[in-house]
């Protein structure tokens, strides 16, 4: 019985210790014909195991004029979010309720892959 409990604890620790990363796949202005429209779309992927505790904190124009958005990744780790950005900058942070570690990535408008 003690062996089963120890094995379960080690398995839980191994699952939480998996390396995860965040990749911004695209960050584009939705209507590039005009600078008056400040709507942008940011899309990306969580690399590694995705859990129900994962949240993506999207910050438009980090700094003085920042705006915050929260989105969830799909089961395969993909996400997209429409934001309003004055300066064409975004920061995406992967947060999990199950861990204190987070992964942060930034991008400027016009990023396409």
Protein backbone atom coordinates (compact mmCIF):
# COMPACT_ATOMS: atom_id res chain seq x y z
CA UNK A 1 0.00 0.00 0.00
CA UNK A 2 2.82 2.39 0.87
CA UNK A 3 4.42 1.60 -2.49
CA UNK A 4 1.24 2.60 -4.37
CA UNK A 5 0.97 5.90 -2.49
CA UNK A 6 4.65 6.66 -3.11
CA UNK A 7 4.28 5.82 -6.79
CA UNK A 8 1.22 8.07 -7.10
CA UNK A 9 3.06 10.97 -5.46
CA UNK A 10 6.10 10.55 -7.73
CA UNK A 11 3.85 10.39 -10.79
CA UNK A 12 2.07 13.59 -9.74
CA UNK A 13 5.40 15.36 -9.25
CA UNK A 14 6.68 14.17 -12.63
CA UNK A 15 3.55 15.44 -14.39
CA UNK A 16 3.82 18.92 -12.87
CA UNK A 17 7.55 19.14 -13.66
CA UNK A 18 7.12 18.70 -17.43
CA UNK A 19 8.71 21.47 -19.46
CA UNK A 20 6.14 23.70 -21.13
CA UNK A 21 6.56 26.58 -23.50
CA UNK A 22 4.44 29.17 -25.23
CA UNK A 23 4.69 30.11 -28.89
CA UNK A 24 3.03 33.12 -30.54
CA UNK A 25 2.16 31.95 -34.05
CA UNK A 26 0.69 35.20 -35.40
CA UNK A 27 -0.08 38.75 -34.31
CA UNK A 28 -1.74 40.82 -37.03
CA UNK A 29 -3.94 43.87 -37.47
CA UNK A 30 -7.38 42.68 -38.52
CA UNK A 31 -7.93 45.51 -41.01
CA UNK A 32 -4.49 46.50 -42.37
CA UNK A 33 -6.05 48.97 -44.83
CA UNK A 34 -6.47 51.58 -42.09
CA UNK A 35 -4.63 52.57 -38.94
CA UNK A 36 -7.89 53.87 -37.44
CA UNK A 37 -8.99 50.30 -36.66
CA UNK A 38 -6.99 49.15 -33.64
CA UNK A 39 -8.27 45.54 -33.59
CA UNK A 40 -5.57 42.89 -33.67
CA UNK A 41 -5.63 39.10 -33.48
CA UNK A 42 -3.03 37.16 -31.54
CA UNK A 43 -2.82 33.38 -31.97
CA UNK A 44 -0.45 30.86 -30.49
CA UNK A 45 0.13 27.47 -28.96
CA UNK A 46 1.01 26.05 -25.58
CA UNK A 47 3.79 23.50 -26.08
CA UNK A 48 3.59 20.56 -23.70
CA UNK A 49 0.75 19.16 -21.64
CA UNK A 50 -2.34 21.38 -21.40
CA UNK A 51 -4.41 21.18 -18.22
CA UNK A 52 -7.78 22.55 -17.15
CA UNK A 53 -5.90 24.93 -14.83
CA UNK A 54 -4.16 26.79 -17.69
CA UNK A 55 -5.02 30.40 -18.47
CA UNK A 56 -3.41 32.81 -20.93
CA UNK A 57 -3.09 36.40 -19.78
CA UNK A 58 -2.85 38.59 -22.90
CA UNK A 59 -1.55 42.12 -22.34
CA UNK A 60 -2.01 44.62 -25.17
CA UNK A 61 0.61 47.39 -25.26
CA UNK A 62 2.47 46.46 -22.05
CA UNK A 63 3.37 49.57 -20.09
CA UNK A 64 1.49 52.85 -19.78
CA UNK A 65 -1.52 52.04 -21.99
CA UNK A 66 -1.87 48.32 -21.32
CA UNK A 67 -5.11 46.38 -21.59
CA UNK A 68 -5.72 42.88 -20.23
CA UNK A 69 -7.51 39.88 -21.72
CA UNK A 70 -7.78 36.27 -20.50
CA UNK A 71 -8.30 33.26 -22.75
CA UNK A 72 -8.15 29.47 -22.52
CA UNK A 73 -6.15 27.08 -24.70
CA UNK A 74 -7.86 24.22 -26.55
CA UNK A 75 -7.07 20.61 -25.70
CA UNK A 76 -4.26 20.73 -28.28
CA UNK A 77 -2.93 23.98 -26.81
CA UNK A 78 -4.04 26.46 -29.49
CA UNK A 79 -5.53 29.86 -28.68
CA UNK A 80 -6.63 33.06 -30.45
CA UNK A 81 -7.75 36.36 -28.95
CA UNK A 82 -8.99 39.62 -30.49
CA UNK A 83 -7.49 42.65 -28.74
CA UNK A 84 -7.37 46.43 -29.10
CA UNK A 85 -3.80 47.65 -29.48
CA UNK A 86 -2.73 51.25 -29.98
CA UNK A 87 0.97 50.53 -30.51
CA UNK A 88 0.90 47.03 -32.03
CA UNK A 89 2.56 45.20 -29.14
CA UNK A 90 1.36 42.17 -27.20
CA UNK A 91 2.58 40.02 -24.33
CA UNK A 92 1.13 36.57 -23.62
CA UNK A 93 1.70 34.83 -20.30
CA UNK A 94 0.85 31.21 -19.59
CA UNK A 95 -0.41 30.84 -16.04
CA UNK A 96 -1.65 27.78 -14.21
CA UNK A 97 -3.55 27.55 -10.94
CA UNK A 98 -1.57 24.38 -10.21
CA UNK A 99 1.87 26.05 -10.42
CA UNK A 100 3.60 29.31 -9.54
CA UNK A 101 5.75 29.18 -12.71
CA UNK A 102 4.69 31.11 -15.77
CA UNK A 103 5.97 31.49 -19.34
CA UNK A 104 5.93 34.92 -21.03
CA UNK A 105 6.30 35.75 -24.76
CA UNK A 106 6.06 39.10 -26.57
CA UNK A 107 5.42 40.11 -30.18
CA UNK A 108 4.95 43.17 -32.39
CA UNK A 109 2.20 43.63 -34.96
CA UNK A 110 2.88 42.04 -38.33
CA UNK A 111 4.18 38.72 -37.04
CA UNK A 112 3.02 35.93 -39.36
CA UNK A 113 4.26 32.37 -39.54
